[in-house]
Amino acid sequence: RLSCAASGVKITYYAIGWFRQAPGKERE
């Protein structure tokens, strides 16, 4: 289970995405 903790601003109106990048590959 990955967590993404936001600070500084309330994220209520923000879309959030998870992306990943494997060695030698583009981020997806």
mmCIF file of all heavy atoms, coordinates in Angstrom:
data_MODEL
# 
_entry.id   MODEL 
# 
loop_
_atom_site.group_PDB 
_atom_site.id 
_atom_site.type_symbol 
_atom_site.label_atom_id 
_atom_site.label_alt_id 
_atom_site.label_comp_id 
_atom_site.label_asym_id 
_atom_site.label_entity_id 
_atom_site.label_seq_id 
_atom_site.pdbx_PDB_ins_code 
_atom_site.Cartn_x 
_atom_site.Cartn_y 
_atom_site.Cartn_z 
_atom_site.occupancy 
_atom_site.B_iso_or_equiv 
_atom_site.pdbx_formal_charge 
_atom_site.auth_seq_id 
_atom_site.auth_comp_id 
_atom_site.auth_asym_id 
_atom_site.auth_atom_id 
_atom_site.pdbx_PDB_model_num 
ATOM 1   N N   . ARG A 1 1  ? 0.848   -1.181 0.000   1.00 0.00 ? 1  ARG A N   1 
ATOM 2   C CA  . ARG A 1 1  ? 0.000   0.000  0.000   1.00 0.00 ? 1  ARG A CA  1 
ATOM 3   C C   . ARG A 1 1  ? 0.885   1.232  0.000   1.00 0.00 ? 1  ARG A C   1 
ATOM 4   O O   . ARG A 1 1  ? 1.627   1.472  0.958   1.00 0.00 ? 1  ARG A O   1 
ATOM 5   C CB  . ARG A 1 1  ? -0.916  0.025  1.224   1.00 0.00 ? 1  ARG A CB  1 
ATOM 6   C CG  . ARG A 1 1  ? -1.968  1.137  1.174   1.00 0.00 ? 1  ARG A CG  1 
ATOM 7   C CD  . ARG A 1 1  ? -2.643  1.298  2.498   1.00 0.00 ? 1  ARG A CD  1 
ATOM 8   N NE  . ARG A 1 1  ? -3.890  2.044  2.422   1.00 0.00 ? 1  ARG A NE  1 
ATOM 9   C CZ  . ARG A 1 1  ? -4.386  2.756  3.432   1.00 0.00 ? 1  ARG A CZ  1 
ATOM 10  N NH1 . ARG A 1 1  ? -3.749  2.797  4.587   1.00 0.00 ? 1  ARG A NH1 1 
ATOM 11  N NH2 . ARG A 1 1  ? -5.531  3.403  3.279   1.00 0.00 ? 1  ARG A NH2 1 
ATOM 12  N N   . LEU A 1 2  ? 0.821   1.984  -1.072  1.00 0.00 ? 2  LEU A N   1 
ATOM 13  C CA  . LEU A 1 2  ? 1.570   3.223  -1.161  1.00 0.00 ? 2  LEU A CA  1 
ATOM 14  C C   . LEU A 1 2  ? 0.729   4.389  -0.666  1.00 0.00 ? 2  LEU A C   1 
ATOM 15  O O   . LEU A 1 2  ? -0.483  4.409  -0.859  1.00 0.00 ? 2  LEU A O   1 
ATOM 16  C CB  . LEU A 1 2  ? 1.996   3.493  -2.600  1.00 0.00 ? 2  LEU A CB  1 
ATOM 17  C CG  . LEU A 1 2  ? 2.809   2.413  -3.300  1.00 0.00 ? 2  LEU A CG  1 
ATOM 18  C CD1 . LEU A 1 2  ? 3.238   2.896  -4.680  1.00 0.00 ? 2  LEU A CD1 1 
ATOM 19  C CD2 . LEU A 1 2  ? 4.010   1.998  -2.483  1.00 0.00 ? 2  LEU A CD2 1 
ATOM 20  N N   . SER A 1 3  ? 1.399   5.333  -0.040  1.00 0.00 ? 3  SER A N   1 
ATOM 21  C CA  . SER A 1 3  ? 0.740   6.544  0.437   1.00 0.00 ? 3  SER A CA  1 
ATOM 22  C C   . SER A 1 3  ? 1.380   7.764  -0.203  1.00 0.00 ? 3  SER A C   1 
ATOM 23  O O   . SER A 1 3  ? 2.585   7.788  -0.442  1.00 0.00 ? 3  SER A O   1 
ATOM 24  C CB  . SER A 1 3  ? 0.845   6.650  1.956   1.00 0.00 ? 3  SER A CB  1 
ATOM 25  O OG  . SER A 1 3  ? 0.196   5.574  2.592   1.00 0.00 ? 3  SER A OG  1 
ATOM 26  N N   . CYS A 1 4  ? 0.571   8.749  -0.445  1.00 0.00 ? 4  CYS A N   1 
ATOM 27  C CA  . CYS A 1 4  ? 1.043   10.038 -0.960  1.00 0.00 ? 4  CYS A CA  1 
ATOM 28  C C   . CYS A 1 4  ? 0.507   11.097 -0.006  1.00 0.00 ? 4  CYS A C   1 
ATOM 29  O O   . CYS A 1 4  ? -0.706  11.317 0.059   1.00 0.00 ? 4  CYS A O   1 
ATOM 30  C CB  . CYS A 1 4  ? 0.523   10.267 -2.367  1.00 0.00 ? 4  CYS A CB  1 
ATOM 31  S SG  . CYS A 1 4  ? 0.909   11.885 -3.083  1.00 0.00 ? 4  CYS A SG  1 
ATOM 32  N N   . ALA A 1 5  ? 1.410   11.686 0.764   1.00 0.00 ? 5  ALA A N   1 
ATOM 33  C CA  . ALA A 1 5  ? 1.032   12.690 1.747   1.00 0.00 ? 5  ALA A CA  1 
ATOM 34  C C   . ALA A 1 5  ? 1.240   14.079 1.166   1.00 0.00 ? 5  ALA A C   1 
ATOM 35  O O   . ALA A 1 5  ? 2.340   14.401 0.707   1.00 0.00 ? 5  ALA A O   1 
ATOM 36  C CB  . ALA A 1 5  ? 1.855   12.514 3.016   1.00 0.00 ? 5  ALA A CB  1 
ATOM 37  N N   . ALA A 1 6  ? 0.187   14.874 1.169   1.00 0.00 ? 6  ALA A N   1 
ATOM 38  C CA  . ALA A 1 6  ? 0.265   16.232 0.654   1.00 0.00 ? 6  ALA A CA  1 
ATOM 39  C C   . ALA A 1 6  ? 0.367   17.222 1.806   1.00 0.00 ? 6  ALA A C   1 
ATOM 40  O O   . ALA A 1 6  ? -0.229  17.026 2.867   1.00 0.00 ? 6  ALA A O   1 
ATOM 41  C CB  . ALA A 1 6  ? -0.964  16.540 -0.187  1.00 0.00 ? 6  ALA A CB  1 
ATOM 42  N N   . SER A 1 7  ? 1.123   18.282 1.580   1.00 0.00 ? 7  SER A N   1 
ATOM 43  C CA  . SER A 1 7  ? 1.247   19.334 2.589   1.00 0.00 ? 7  SER A CA  1 
ATOM 44  C C   . SER A 1 7  ? 1.309   20.685 1.893   1.00 0.00 ? 7  SER A C   1 
ATOM 45  O O   . SER A 1 7  ? 1.634   20.786 0.714   1.00 0.00 ? 7  SER A O   1 
ATOM 46  C CB  . SER A 1 7  ? 2.492   19.118 3.448   1.00 0.00 ? 7  SER A CB  1 
ATOM 47  O OG  . SER A 1 7  ? 3.655   19.179 2.658   1.00 0.00 ? 7  SER A OG  1 
ATOM 48  N N   . GLY A 1 8  ? 0.981   21.705 2.644   1.00 0.00 ? 8  GLY A N   1 
ATOM 49  C CA  . GLY A 1 8  ? 1.075   23.067 2.150   1.00 0.00 ? 8  GLY A CA  1 
ATOM 50  C C   . GLY A 1 8  ? -0.231  23.599 1.585   1.00 0.00 ? 8  GLY A C   1 
ATOM 51  O O   . GLY A 1 8  ? -0.496  24.794 1.671   1.00 0.00 ? 8  GLY A O   1 
ATOM 52  N N   . VAL A 1 9  ? -1.020  22.721 1.005   1.00 0.00 ? 9  VAL A N   1 
ATOM 53  C CA  . VAL A 1 9  ? -2.277  23.116 0.378   1.00 0.00 ? 9  VAL A CA  1 
ATOM 54  C C   . VAL A 1 9  ? -3.270  21.974 0.546   1.00 0.00 ? 9  VAL A C   1 
ATOM 55  O O   . VAL A 1 9  ? -2.885  20.803 0.473   1.00 0.00 ? 9  VAL A O   1 
ATOM 56  C CB  . VAL A 1 9  ? -2.092  23.398 -1.132  1.00 0.00 ? 9  VAL A CB  1 
ATOM 57  C CG1 . VAL A 1 9  ? -3.432  23.690 -1.804  1.00 0.00 ? 9  VAL A CG1 1 
ATOM 58  C CG2 . VAL A 1 9  ? -1.124  24.551 -1.363  1.00 0.00 ? 9  VAL A CG2 1 
ATOM 59  N N   . LYS A 1 10 ? -4.530  22.273 0.775   1.00 0.00 ? 10 LYS A N   1 
ATOM 60  C CA  . LYS A 1 10 ? -5.541  21.232 0.794   1.00 0.00 ? 10 LYS A CA  1 
ATOM 61  C C   . LYS A 1 10 ? -5.758  20.719 -0.621  1.00 0.00 ? 10 LYS A C   1 
ATOM 62  O O   . LYS A 1 10 ? -5.887  21.492 -1.568  1.00 0.00 ? 10 LYS A O   1 
ATOM 63  C CB  . LYS A 1 10 ? -6.859  21.787 1.348   1.00 0.00 ? 10 LYS A CB  1 
ATOM 64  C CG  . LYS A 1 10 ? -6.803  22.134 2.826   1.00 0.00 ? 10 LYS A CG  1 
ATOM 65  C CD  . LYS A 1 10 ? -6.594  20.900 3.696   1.00 0.00 ? 10 LYS A CD  1 
ATOM 66  C CE  . LYS A 1 10 ? -7.803  20.008 3.756   1.00 0.00 ? 10 LYS A CE  1 
ATOM 67  N NZ  . LYS A 1 10 ? -7.597  18.853 4.672   1.00 0.00 ? 10 LYS A NZ  1 
ATOM 68  N N   . ILE A 1 11 ? -5.817  19.401 -0.773  1.00 0.00 ? 11 ILE A N   1 
ATOM 69  C CA  . ILE A 1 11 ? -5.859  18.806 -2.116  1.00 0.00 ? 11 ILE A CA  1 
ATOM 70  C C   . ILE A 1 11 ? -7.280  18.531 -2.603  1.00 0.00 ? 11 ILE A C   1 
ATOM 71  O O   . ILE A 1 11 ? -7.472  17.801 -3.572  1.00 0.00 ? 11 ILE A O   1 
ATOM 72  C CB  . ILE A 1 11 ? -5.039  17.501 -2.166  1.00 0.00 ? 11 ILE A CB  1 
ATOM 73  C CG1 . ILE A 1 11 ? -5.566  16.473 -1.159  1.00 0.00 ? 11 ILE A CG1 1 
ATOM 74  C CG2 . ILE A 1 11 ? -3.565  17.805 -1.930  1.00 0.00 ? 11 ILE A CG2 1 
ATOM 75  C CD1 . ILE A 1 11 ? -4.955  15.091 -1.323  1.00 0.00 ? 11 ILE A CD1 1 
ATOM 76  N N   . THR A 1 12 ? -8.246  19.120 -1.967  1.00 0.00 ? 12 THR A N   1 
ATOM 77  C CA  . THR A 1 12 ? -9.641  18.829 -2.274  1.00 0.00 ? 12 THR A CA  1 
ATOM 78  C C   . THR A 1 12 ? -9.969  18.969 -3.760  1.00 0.00 ? 12 THR A C   1 
ATOM 79  O O   . THR A 1 12 ? -10.744 18.201 -4.305  1.00 0.00 ? 12 THR A O   1 
ATOM 80  C CB  . THR A 1 12 ? -10.559 19.761 -1.469  1.00 0.00 ? 12 THR A CB  1 
ATOM 81  O OG1 . THR A 1 12 ? -10.195 19.704 -0.100  1.00 0.00 ? 12 THR A OG1 1 
ATOM 82  C CG2 . THR A 1 12 ? -12.012 19.364 -1.642  1.00 0.00 ? 12 THR A CG2 1 
ATOM 83  N N   . TYR A 1 13 ? -9.383  19.950 -4.428  1.00 0.00 ? 13 TYR A N   1 
ATOM 84  C CA  . TYR A 1 13 ? -9.699  20.206 -5.833  1.00 0.00 ? 13 TYR A CA  1 
ATOM 85  C C   . TYR A 1 13 ? -8.607  19.731 -6.785  1.00 0.00 ? 13 TYR A C   1 
ATOM 86  O O   . TYR A 1 13 ? -8.619  20.055 -7.965  1.00 0.00 ? 13 TYR A O   1 
ATOM 87  C CB  . TYR A 1 13 ? -9.960  21.702 -6.038  1.00 0.00 ? 13 TYR A CB  1 
ATOM 88  C CG  . TYR A 1 13 ? -11.110 22.194 -5.192  1.00 0.00 ? 13 TYR A CG  1 
ATOM 89  C CD1 . TYR A 1 13 ? -10.892 23.019 -4.087  1.00 0.00 ? 13 TYR A CD1 1 
ATOM 90  C CD2 . TYR A 1 13 ? -12.423 21.815 -5.477  1.00 0.00 ? 13 TYR A CD2 1 
ATOM 91  C CE1 . TYR A 1 13 ? -11.952 23.457 -3.301  1.00 0.00 ? 13 TYR A CE1 1 
ATOM 92  C CE2 . TYR A 1 13 ? -13.476 22.253 -4.702  1.00 0.00 ? 13 TYR A CE2 1 
ATOM 93  C CZ  . TYR A 1 13 ? -13.235 23.071 -3.604  1.00 0.00 ? 13 TYR A CZ  1 
ATOM 94  O OH  . TYR A 1 13 ? -14.277 23.500 -2.836  1.00 0.00 ? 13 TYR A OH  1 
ATOM 95  N N   . TYR A 1 14 ? -7.697  18.935 -6.265  1.00 0.00 ? 14 TYR A N   1 
ATOM 96  C CA  . TYR A 1 14 ? -6.601  18.432 -7.085  1.00 0.00 ? 14 TYR A CA  1 
ATOM 97  C C   . TYR A 1 14 ? -6.867  17.000 -7.537  1.00 0.00 ? 14 TYR A C   1 
ATOM 98  O O   . TYR A 1 14 ? -7.207  16.143 -6.721  1.00 0.00 ? 14 TYR A O   1 
ATOM 99  C CB  . TYR A 1 14 ? -5.287  18.434 -6.303  1.00 0.00 ? 14 TYR A CB  1 
ATOM 100 C CG  . TYR A 1 14 ? -4.627  19.775 -6.160  1.00 0.00 ? 14 TYR A CG  1 
ATOM 101 C CD1 . TYR A 1 14 ? -5.062  20.685 -5.201  1.00 0.00 ? 14 TYR A CD1 1 
ATOM 102 C CD2 . TYR A 1 14 ? -3.550  20.129 -6.970  1.00 0.00 ? 14 TYR A CD2 1 
ATOM 103 C CE1 . TYR A 1 14 ? -4.449  21.919 -5.066  1.00 0.00 ? 14 TYR A CE1 1 
ATOM 104 C CE2 . TYR A 1 14 ? -2.925  21.355 -6.832  1.00 0.00 ? 14 TYR A CE2 1 
ATOM 105 C CZ  . TYR A 1 14 ? -3.379  22.243 -5.881  1.00 0.00 ? 14 TYR A CZ  1 
ATOM 106 O OH  . TYR A 1 14 ? -2.760  23.452 -5.751  1.00 0.00 ? 14 TYR A OH  1 
ATOM 107 N N   . ALA A 1 15 ? -6.691  16.755 -8.819  1.00 0.00 ? 15 ALA A N   1 
ATOM 108 C CA  . ALA A 1 15 ? -6.595  15.378 -9.271  1.00 0.00 ? 15 ALA A CA  1 
ATOM 109 C C   . ALA A 1 15 ? -5.212  14.853 -8.886  1.00 0.00 ? 15 ALA A C   1 
ATOM 110 O O   . ALA A 1 15 ? -4.226  15.585 -8.959  1.00 0.00 ? 15 ALA A O   1 
ATOM 111 C CB  . ALA A 1 15 ? -6.776  15.287 -10.779 1.00 0.00 ? 15 ALA A CB  1 
ATOM 112 N N   . ILE A 1 16 ? -5.175  13.610 -8.482  1.00 0.00 ? 16 ILE A N   1 
ATOM 113 C CA  . ILE A 1 16 ? -3.916  12.973 -8.098  1.00 0.00 ? 16 ILE A CA  1 
ATOM 114 C C   . ILE A 1 16 ? -3.716  11.743 -8.970  1.00 0.00 ? 16 ILE A C   1 
ATOM 115 O O   . ILE A 1 16 ? -4.648  10.972 -9.200  1.00 0.00 ? 16 ILE A O   1 
ATOM 116 C CB  . ILE A 1 16 ? -3.925  12.533 -6.626  1.00 0.00 ? 16 ILE A CB  1 
ATOM 117 C CG1 . ILE A 1 16 ? -4.286  13.714 -5.702  1.00 0.00 ? 16 ILE A CG1 1 
ATOM 118 C CG2 . ILE A 1 16 ? -2.575  11.923 -6.244  1.00 0.00 ? 16 ILE A CG2 1 
ATOM 119 C CD1 . ILE A 1 16 ? -3.252  14.805 -5.624  1.00 0.00 ? 16 ILE A CD1 1 
ATOM 120 N N   . GLY A 1 17 ? -2.505  11.580 -9.435  1.00 0.00 ? 17 GLY A N   1 
ATOM 121 C CA  . GLY A 1 17 ? -2.178  10.405 -10.230 1.00 0.00 ? 17 GLY A CA  1 
ATOM 122 C C   . GLY A 1 17 ? -0.983  9.674  -9.668  1.00 0.00 ? 17 GLY A C   1 
ATOM 123 O O   . GLY A 1 17 ? -0.088  10.283 -9.076  1.00 0.00 ? 17 GLY A O   1 
ATOM 124 N N   . TRP A 1 18 ? -0.995  8.370  -9.829  1.00 0.00 ? 18 TRP A N   1 
ATOM 125 C CA  . TRP A 1 18 ? 0.178   7.541  -9.556  1.00 0.00 ? 18 TRP A CA  1 
ATOM 126 C C   . TRP A 1 18 ? 0.779   7.155  -10.902 1.00 0.00 ? 18 TRP A C   1 
ATOM 127 O O   . TRP A 1 18 ? 0.063   6.677  -11.796 1.00 0.00 ? 18 TRP A O   1 
ATOM 128 C CB  . TRP A 1 18 ? -0.191  6.292  -8.777  1.00 0.00 ? 18 TRP A CB  1 
ATOM 129 C CG  . TRP A 1 18 ? -0.469  6.524  -7.333  1.00 0.00 ? 18 TRP A CG  1 
ATOM 130 C CD1 . TRP A 1 18 ? -1.685  6.669  -6.733  1.00 0.00 ? 18 TRP A CD1 1 
ATOM 131 C CD2 . TRP A 1 18 ? 0.501   6.637  -6.284  1.00 0.00 ? 18 TRP A CD2 1 
ATOM 132 N NE1 . TRP A 1 18 ? -1.540  6.869  -5.387  1.00 0.00 ? 18 TRP A NE1 1 
ATOM 133 C CE2 . TRP A 1 18 ? -0.192  6.846  -5.082  1.00 0.00 ? 18 TRP A CE2 1 
ATOM 134 C CE3 . TRP A 1 18 ? 1.899   6.570  -6.237  1.00 0.00 ? 18 TRP A CE3 1 
ATOM 135 C CZ2 . TRP A 1 18 ? 0.439   7.000  -3.846  1.00 0.00 ? 18 TRP A CZ2 1 
ATOM 136 C CZ3 . TRP A 1 18 ? 2.527   6.717  -5.010  1.00 0.00 ? 18 TRP A CZ3 1 
ATOM 137 C CH2 . TRP A 1 18 ? 1.809   6.939  -3.838  1.00 0.00 ? 18 TRP A CH2 1 
ATOM 138 N N   . PHE A 1 19 ? 2.065   7.342  -11.017 1.00 0.00 ? 19 PHE A N   1 
ATOM 139 C CA  . PHE A 1 19 ? 2.823   6.994  -12.200 1.00 0.00 ? 19 PHE A CA  1 
ATOM 140 C C   . PHE A 1 19 ? 4.008   6.139  -11.772 1.00 0.00 ? 19 PHE A C   1 
ATOM 141 O O   . PHE A 1 19 ? 4.394   6.161  -10.605 1.00 0.00 ? 19 PHE A O   1 
ATOM 142 C CB  . PHE A 1 19 ? 3.301   8.258  -12.920 1.00 0.00 ? 19 PHE A CB  1 
ATOM 143 C CG  . PHE A 1 19 ? 2.176   9.146  -13.383 1.00 0.00 ? 19 PHE A CG  1 
ATOM 144 C CD1 . PHE A 1 19 ? 1.571   10.027 -12.496 1.00 0.00 ? 19 PHE A CD1 1 
ATOM 145 C CD2 . PHE A 1 19 ? 1.718   9.105  -14.683 1.00 0.00 ? 19 PHE A CD2 1 
ATOM 146 C CE1 . PHE A 1 19 ? 0.517   10.851 -12.898 1.00 0.00 ? 19 PHE A CE1 1 
ATOM 147 C CE2 . PHE A 1 19 ? 0.668   9.927  -15.102 1.00 0.00 ? 19 PHE A CE2 1 
ATOM 148 C CZ  . PHE A 1 19 ? 0.072   10.793 -14.204 1.00 0.00 ? 19 PHE A CZ  1 
ATOM 149 N N   . ARG A 1 20 ? 4.589   5.417  -12.698 1.00 0.00 ? 20 ARG A N   1 
ATOM 150 C CA  . ARG A 1 20 ? 5.753   4.606  -12.360 1.00 0.00 ? 20 ARG A CA  1 
ATOM 151 C C   . ARG A 1 20 ? 6.747   4.608  -13.500 1.00 0.00 ? 20 ARG A C   1 
ATOM 152 O O   . ARG A 1 20 ? 6.388   4.806  -14.653 1.00 0.00 ? 20 ARG A O   1 
ATOM 153 C CB  . ARG A 1 20 ? 5.340   3.176  -12.006 1.00 0.00 ? 20 ARG A CB  1 
ATOM 154 C CG  . ARG A 1 20 ? 4.783   2.366  -13.181 1.00 0.00 ? 20 ARG A CG  1 
ATOM 155 C CD  . ARG A 1 20 ? 4.268   1.020  -12.683 1.00 0.00 ? 20 ARG A CD  1 
ATOM 156 N NE  . ARG A 1 20 ? 3.733   0.204  -13.783 1.00 0.00 ? 20 ARG A NE  1 
ATOM 157 C CZ  . ARG A 1 20 ? 3.116   -0.960 -13.602 1.00 0.00 ? 20 ARG A CZ  1 
ATOM 158 N NH1 . ARG A 1 20 ? 2.933   -1.444 -12.374 1.00 0.00 ? 20 ARG A NH1 1 
ATOM 159 N NH2 . ARG A 1 20 ? 2.682   -1.638 -14.654 1.00 0.00 ? 20 ARG A NH2 1 
ATOM 160 N N   . GLN A 1 21 ? 7.989   4.397  -13.126 1.00 0.00 ? 21 GLN A N   1 
ATOM 161 C CA  . GLN A 1 21 ? 9.056   4.330  -14.126 1.00 0.00 ? 21 GLN A CA  1 
ATOM 162 C C   . GLN A 1 21 ? 9.995   3.197  -13.772 1.00 0.00 ? 21 GLN A C   1 
ATOM 163 O O   . GLN A 1 21 ? 10.611  3.209  -12.695 1.00 0.00 ? 21 GLN A O   1 
ATOM 164 C CB  . GLN A 1 21 ? 9.813   5.647  -14.220 1.00 0.00 ? 21 GLN A CB  1 
ATOM 165 C CG  . GLN A 1 21 ? 10.804  5.686  -15.368 1.00 0.00 ? 21 GLN A CG  1 
ATOM 166 C CD  . GLN A 1 21 ? 11.310  7.084  -15.663 1.00 0.00 ? 21 GLN A CD  1 
ATOM 167 O OE1 . GLN A 1 21 ? 11.253  7.974  -14.824 1.00 0.00 ? 21 GLN A OE1 1 
ATOM 168 N NE2 . GLN A 1 21 ? 11.803  7.291  -16.874 1.00 0.00 ? 21 GLN A NE2 1 
ATOM 169 N N   . ALA A 1 22 ? 10.084  2.246  -14.660 1.00 0.00 ? 22 ALA A N   1 
ATOM 170 C CA  . ALA A 1 22 ? 10.997  1.121  -14.494 1.00 0.00 ? 22 ALA A CA  1 
ATOM 171 C C   . ALA A 1 22 ? 12.323  1.463  -15.173 1.00 0.00 ? 22 ALA A C   1 
ATOM 172 O O   . ALA A 1 22 ? 12.370  2.302  -16.073 1.00 0.00 ? 22 ALA A O   1 
ATOM 173 C CB  . ALA A 1 22 ? 10.390  -0.138 -15.109 1.00 0.00 ? 22 ALA A CB  1 
ATOM 174 N N   . PRO A 1 23 ? 13.401  0.816  -14.754 1.00 0.00 ? 23 PRO A N   1 
ATOM 175 C CA  . PRO A 1 23 ? 14.708  1.098  -15.351 1.00 0.00 ? 23 PRO A CA  1 
ATOM 176 C C   . PRO A 1 23 ? 14.679  0.918  -16.858 1.00 0.00 ? 23 PRO A C   1 
ATOM 177 O O   . PRO A 1 23 ? 14.200  -0.098 -17.370 1.00 0.00 ? 23 PRO A O   1 
ATOM 178 C CB  . PRO A 1 23 ? 15.632  0.066  -14.688 1.00 0.00 ? 23 PRO A CB  1 
ATOM 179 C CG  . PRO A 1 23 ? 14.960  -0.231 -13.395 1.00 0.00 ? 23 PRO A CG  1 
ATOM 180 C CD  . PRO A 1 23 ? 13.492  -0.164 -13.662 1.00 0.00 ? 23 PRO A CD  1 
ATOM 181 N N   . GLY A 1 24 ? 15.176  1.927  -17.577 1.00 0.00 ? 24 GLY A N   1 
ATOM 182 C CA  . GLY A 1 24 ? 15.242  1.832  -19.021 1.00 0.00 ? 24 GLY A CA  1 
ATOM 183 C C   . GLY A 1 24 ? 13.937  2.054  -19.745 1.00 0.00 ? 24 GLY A C   1 
ATOM 184 O O   . GLY A 1 24 ? 13.877  1.905  -20.969 1.00 0.00 ? 24 GLY A O   1 
ATOM 185 N N   . LYS A 1 25 ? 12.892  2.376  -18.995 1.00 0.00 ? 25 LYS A N   1 
ATOM 186 C CA  . LYS A 1 25 ? 11.572  2.578  -19.616 1.00 0.00 ? 25 LYS A CA  1 
ATOM 187 C C   . LYS A 1 25 ? 11.072  3.988  -19.334 1.00 0.00 ? 25 LYS A C   1 
ATOM 188 O O   . LYS A 1 25 ? 11.508  4.655  -18.406 1.00 0.00 ? 25 LYS A O   1 
ATOM 189 C CB  . LYS A 1 25 ? 10.577  1.554  -19.094 1.00 0.00 ? 25 LYS A CB  1 
ATOM 190 C CG  . LYS A 1 25 ? 10.911  0.114  -19.483 1.00 0.00 ? 25 LYS A CG  1 
ATOM 191 C CD  . LYS A 1 25 ? 9.793   -0.819 -19.076 1.00 0.00 ? 25 LYS A CD  1 
ATOM 192 C CE  . LYS A 1 25 ? 10.085  -2.248 -19.517 1.00 0.00 ? 25 LYS A CE  1 
ATOM 193 N NZ  . LYS A 1 25 ? 8.985   -3.180 -19.144 1.00 0.00 ? 25 LYS A NZ  1 
ATOM 194 N N   . GLU A 1 26 ? 10.117  4.404  -20.146 1.00 0.00 ? 26 GLU A N   1 
ATOM 195 C CA  . GLU A 1 26 ? 9.496   5.699  -19.932 1.00 0.00 ? 26 GLU A CA  1 
ATOM 196 C C   . GLU A 1 26 ? 8.524   5.621  -18.754 1.00 0.00 ? 26 GLU A C   1 
ATOM 197 O O   . GLU A 1 26 ? 7.995   4.563  -18.422 1.00 0.00 ? 26 GLU A O   1 
ATOM 198 C CB  . GLU A 1 26 ? 8.748   6.138  -21.189 1.00 0.00 ? 26 GLU A CB  1 
ATOM 199 C CG  . GLU A 1 26 ? 9.649   6.453  -22.369 1.00 0.00 ? 26 GLU A CG  1 
ATOM 200 C CD  . GLU A 1 26 ? 8.888   7.058  -23.530 1.00 0.00 ? 26 GLU A CD  1 
ATOM 201 O OE1 . GLU A 1 26 ? 7.654   7.144  -23.471 1.00 0.00 ? 26 GLU A OE1 1 
ATOM 202 O OE2 . GLU A 1 26 ? 9.540   7.455  -24.515 1.00 0.00 ? 26 GLU A OE2 1 
ATOM 203 N N   . ARG A 1 27 ? 8.289   6.783  -18.152 1.00 0.00 ? 27 ARG A N   1 
ATOM 204 C CA  . ARG A 1 27 ? 7.300   6.827  -17.084 1.00 0.00 ? 27 ARG A CA  1 
ATOM 205 C C   . ARG A 1 27 ? 5.918   6.562  -17.656 1.00 0.00 ? 27 ARG A C   1 
ATOM 206 O O   . ARG A 1 27 ? 5.577   7.050  -18.727 1.00 0.00 ? 27 ARG A O   1 
ATOM 207 C CB  . ARG A 1 27 ? 7.360   8.185  -16.390 1.00 0.00 ? 27 ARG A CB  1 
ATOM 208 C CG  . ARG A 1 27 ? 6.484   8.295  -15.163 1.00 0.00 ? 27 ARG A CG  1 
ATOM 209 C CD  . ARG A 1 27 ? 6.958   9.380  -14.219 1.00 0.00 ? 27 ARG A CD  1 
ATOM 210 N NE  . ARG A 1 27 ? 7.160   10.650 -14.853 1.00 0.00 ? 27 ARG A NE  1 
ATOM 211 C CZ  . ARG A 1 27 ? 7.813   11.670 -14.299 1.00 0.00 ? 27 ARG A CZ  1 
ATOM 212 N NH1 . ARG A 1 27 ? 8.324   11.530 -13.090 1.00 0.00 ? 27 ARG A NH1 1 
ATOM 213 N NH2 . ARG A 1 27 ? 7.948   12.796 -14.936 1.00 0.00 ? 27 ARG A NH2 1 
ATOM 214 N N   . GLU A 1 28 ? 5.120   5.787  -16.940 1.00 0.00 ? 28 GLU A N   1 
ATOM 215 C CA  . GLU A 1 28 ? 3.796   5.433  -17.407 1.00 0.00 ? 28 GLU A CA  1 
ATOM 216 C C   . GLU A 1 28 ? 2.765   5.668  -16.320 1.00 0.00 ? 28 GLU A C   1 
ATOM 217 O O   . GLU A 1 28 ? 3.074   5.659  -15.142 1.00 0.00 ? 28 GLU A O   1 
ATOM 218 C CB  . GLU A 1 28 ? 3.747   3.963  -17.842 1.00 0.00 ? 28 GLU A CB  1 
ATOM 219 C CG  . GLU A 1 28 ? 4.007   2.968  -16.727 1.00 0.00 ? 28 GLU A CG  1 
ATOM 220 C CD  . GLU A 1 28 ? 3.830   1.529  -17.171 1.00 0.00 ? 28 GLU A CD  1 
ATOM 221 O OE1 . GLU A 1 28 ? 3.430   1.287  -18.314 1.00 0.00 ? 28 GLU A OE1 1 
ATOM 222 O OE2 . GLU A 1 28 ? 4.093   0.634  -16.335 1.00 0.00 ? 28 GLU A OE2 1 
# 
